[in-house]
């Protein structure tokens, strides 16, 4: 089997500009007719994405349950492990400051 890794940042930015009509081609926004066509195309893509996410990844079941973060990891912490000799300053991990 193959594993495909895809960085979605740019894809989502372009997708959002298609949906919102804020896409610029060569520094100019498309006319209203073309913007409407692009938005319709993006809406069809959005429908396919949701269908795929539901069919393959059970999206509606998992939606709203993605709470995995540092705070959630604390519940899996093993206090019996001695970390007194660990060099936290140079382990490459950083703590996110409270916002």
C-alpha atoms as a PDB file:
ATOM      1  CA  UNK A   1       0.000   0.000   0.000  1.00  0.00           C
ATOM      2  CA  UNK A   2       0.916   3.642  -0.344  1.00  0.00           C
ATOM      3  CA  UNK A   3       0.649   6.443   2.131  1.00  0.00           C
ATOM      4  CA  UNK A   4      -0.049   9.883   0.701  1.00  0.00           C
ATOM      5  CA  UNK A   5       0.774  12.926   2.791  1.00  0.00           C
ATOM      6  CA  UNK A   6      -0.895  16.124   1.707  1.00  0.00           C
ATOM      7  CA  UNK A   7      -0.416  19.520   3.284  1.00  0.00           C
ATOM      8  CA  UNK A   8      -3.891  21.007   3.136  1.00  0.00           C
ATOM      9  CA  UNK A   9      -3.051  24.588   4.121  1.00  0.00           C
ATOM     10  CA  UNK A  10      -2.793  26.007   0.615  1.00  0.00           C
ATOM     11  CA  UNK A  11      -5.584  23.782  -0.665  1.00  0.00           C
ATOM     12  CA  UNK A  12      -7.966  25.038   2.012  1.00  0.00           C
ATOM     13  CA  UNK A  13      -7.007  28.655   1.357  1.00  0.00           C
ATOM     14  CA  UNK A  14      -7.730  28.293  -2.365  1.00  0.00           C
ATOM     15  CA  UNK A  15     -10.910  26.352  -1.603  1.00  0.00           C
ATOM     16  CA  UNK A  16     -12.104  29.094   0.748  1.00  0.00           C
ATOM     17  CA  UNK A  17     -11.435  31.793  -1.852  1.00  0.00           C
ATOM     18  CA  UNK A  18     -13.505  29.810  -4.354  1.00  0.00           C
ATOM     19  CA  UNK A  19     -16.400  29.489  -1.908  1.00  0.00           C
ATOM     20  CA  UNK A  20     -16.364  33.120  -0.835  1.00  0.00           C
ATOM     21  CA  UNK A  21     -15.713  34.604  -4.273  1.00  0.00           C
ATOM     22  CA  UNK A  22     -12.534  36.298  -3.078  1.00  0.00           C
ATOM     23  CA  UNK A  23     -10.250  34.427  -5.502  1.00  0.00           C
ATOM     24  CA  UNK A  24      -7.962  36.692  -7.506  1.00  0.00           C
ATOM     25  CA  UNK A  25      -6.509  35.637 -10.835  1.00  0.00           C
ATOM     26  CA  UNK A  26      -3.463  37.623 -11.865  1.00  0.00           C
ATOM     27  CA  UNK A  27      -4.314  40.229  -9.231  1.00  0.00           C
ATOM     28  CA  UNK A  28      -7.908  40.692 -10.365  1.00  0.00           C
ATOM     29  CA  UNK A  29     -11.169  39.199  -9.184  1.00  0.00           C
ATOM     30  CA  UNK A  30     -13.191  37.313 -11.791  1.00  0.00           C
ATOM     31  CA  UNK A  31     -16.426  38.855 -13.040  1.00  0.00           C
ATOM     32  CA  UNK A  32     -19.672  37.966 -11.234  1.00  0.00           C
ATOM     33  CA  UNK A  33     -20.598  35.207 -13.678  1.00  0.00           C
ATOM     34  CA  UNK A  34     -17.230  33.469 -13.393  1.00  0.00           C
ATOM     35  CA  UNK A  35     -17.173  33.979  -9.596  1.00  0.00           C
ATOM     36  CA  UNK A  36     -20.619  32.357  -9.341  1.00  0.00           C
ATOM     37  CA  UNK A  37     -19.455  29.416 -11.478  1.00  0.00           C
ATOM     38  CA  UNK A  38     -16.336  28.978  -9.331  1.00  0.00           C
ATOM     39  CA  UNK A  39     -18.410  29.152  -6.156  1.00  0.00           C
ATOM     40  CA  UNK A  40     -20.784  26.507  -7.534  1.00  0.00           C
ATOM     41  CA  UNK A  41     -17.803  24.323  -8.399  1.00  0.00           C
ATOM     42  CA  UNK A  42     -16.407  24.762  -4.879  1.00  0.00           C
ATOM     43  CA  UNK A  43     -19.794  23.844  -3.386  1.00  0.00           C
ATOM     44  CA  UNK A  44     -19.778  20.590  -5.384  1.00  0.00           C
ATOM     45  CA  UNK A  45     -16.252  19.862  -4.142  1.00  0.00           C
ATOM     46  CA  UNK A  46     -17.406  20.610  -0.590  1.00  0.00           C
ATOM     47  CA  UNK A  47     -20.254  18.100  -0.954  1.00  0.00           C
ATOM     48  CA  UNK A  48     -17.801  15.441  -2.190  1.00  0.00           C
ATOM     49  CA  UNK A  49     -15.428  16.157   0.692  1.00  0.00           C
ATOM     50  CA  UNK A  50     -18.207  15.758   3.276  1.00  0.00           C
ATOM     51  CA  UNK A  51     -19.438  12.570   1.577  1.00  0.00           C
ATOM     52  CA  UNK A  52     -15.917  11.130   1.583  1.00  0.00           C
ATOM     53  CA  UNK A  53     -15.302  12.205   5.182  1.00  0.00           C
ATOM     54  CA  UNK A  54     -18.532  10.564   6.314  1.00  0.00           C
ATOM     55  CA  UNK A  55     -18.125   7.399   4.264  1.00  0.00           C
ATOM     56  CA  UNK A  56     -14.457   6.742   5.047  1.00  0.00           C
ATOM     57  CA  UNK A  57     -13.846   8.549   8.360  1.00  0.00           C
ATOM     58  CA  UNK A  58     -17.292   8.611  10.072  1.00  0.00           C
ATOM     59  CA  UNK A  59     -17.187  12.409  10.194  1.00  0.00           C
ATOM     60  CA  UNK A  60     -20.569  13.090  11.811  1.00  0.00           C
ATOM     61  CA  UNK A  61     -19.869  10.556  14.546  1.00  0.00           C
ATOM     62  CA  UNK A  62     -16.472  12.078  15.340  1.00  0.00           C
ATOM     63  CA  UNK A  63     -17.314  15.747  14.762  1.00  0.00           C
ATOM     64  CA  UNK A  64     -16.877  17.731  17.951  1.00  0.00           C
ATOM     65  CA  UNK A  65     -14.900  14.974  19.647  1.00  0.00           C
ATOM     66  CA  UNK A  66     -11.442  16.103  18.565  1.00  0.00           C
ATOM     67  CA  UNK A  67     -10.227  17.252  21.950  1.00  0.00           C
ATOM     68  CA  UNK A  68      -6.729  15.815  21.765  1.00  0.00           C
ATOM     69  CA  UNK A  69      -4.327  18.447  23.000  1.00  0.00           C
ATOM     70  CA  UNK A  70      -1.830  18.875  25.821  1.00  0.00           C
ATOM     71  CA  UNK A  71      -4.580  19.248  28.405  1.00  0.00           C
ATOM     72  CA  UNK A  72      -6.265  16.034  27.252  1.00  0.00           C
ATOM     73  CA  UNK A  73      -2.930  14.190  27.300  1.00  0.00           C
ATOM     74  CA  UNK A  74      -2.596  14.898  31.020  1.00  0.00           C
ATOM     75  CA  UNK A  75      -5.197  12.243  31.758  1.00  0.00           C
ATOM     76  CA  UNK A  76      -2.855   9.686  30.147  1.00  0.00           C
ATOM     77  CA  UNK A  77       0.145  10.834  32.165  1.00  0.00           C
ATOM     78  CA  UNK A  78       1.937   8.166  34.171  1.00  0.00           C
ATOM     79  CA  UNK A  79       2.936   9.757  37.492  1.00  0.00           C
ATOM     80  CA  UNK A  80       4.999   6.692  38.394  1.00  0.00           C
ATOM     81  CA  UNK A  81       7.643   7.659  35.797  1.00  0.00           C
ATOM     82  CA  UNK A  82      10.560   9.537  37.352  1.00  0.00           C
ATOM     83  CA  UNK A  83      11.247  12.641  35.245  1.00  0.00           C
ATOM     84  CA  UNK A  84      13.512  14.349  37.765  1.00  0.00           C
ATOM     85  CA  UNK A  85      16.582  13.804  35.563  1.00  0.00           C
ATOM     86  CA  UNK A  86      14.894  14.830  32.296  1.00  0.00           C
ATOM     87  CA  UNK A  87      16.295  17.990  30.696  1.00  0.00           C
ATOM     88  CA  UNK A  88      13.034  19.788  29.870  1.00  0.00           C
ATOM     89  CA  UNK A  89      14.901  22.919  28.740  1.00  0.00           C
ATOM     90  CA  UNK A  90      16.510  21.152  25.793  1.00  0.00           C
ATOM     91  CA  UNK A  91      14.072  18.383  24.853  1.00  0.00           C
ATOM     92  CA  UNK A  92      12.667  20.412  21.938  1.00  0.00           C
ATOM     93  CA  UNK A  93       9.149  20.588  23.340  1.00  0.00           C
ATOM     94  CA  UNK A  94       7.512  23.900  24.047  1.00  0.00           C
ATOM     95  CA  UNK A  95       4.524  24.734  26.171  1.00  0.00           C
ATOM     96  CA  UNK A  96       1.803  26.837  24.627  1.00  0.00           C
ATOM     97  CA  UNK A  97       1.105  29.888  26.753  1.00  0.00           C
ATOM     98  CA  UNK A  98      -2.421  30.538  27.947  1.00  0.00           C
ATOM     99  CA  UNK A  99      -4.359  32.735  25.551  1.00  0.00           C
END
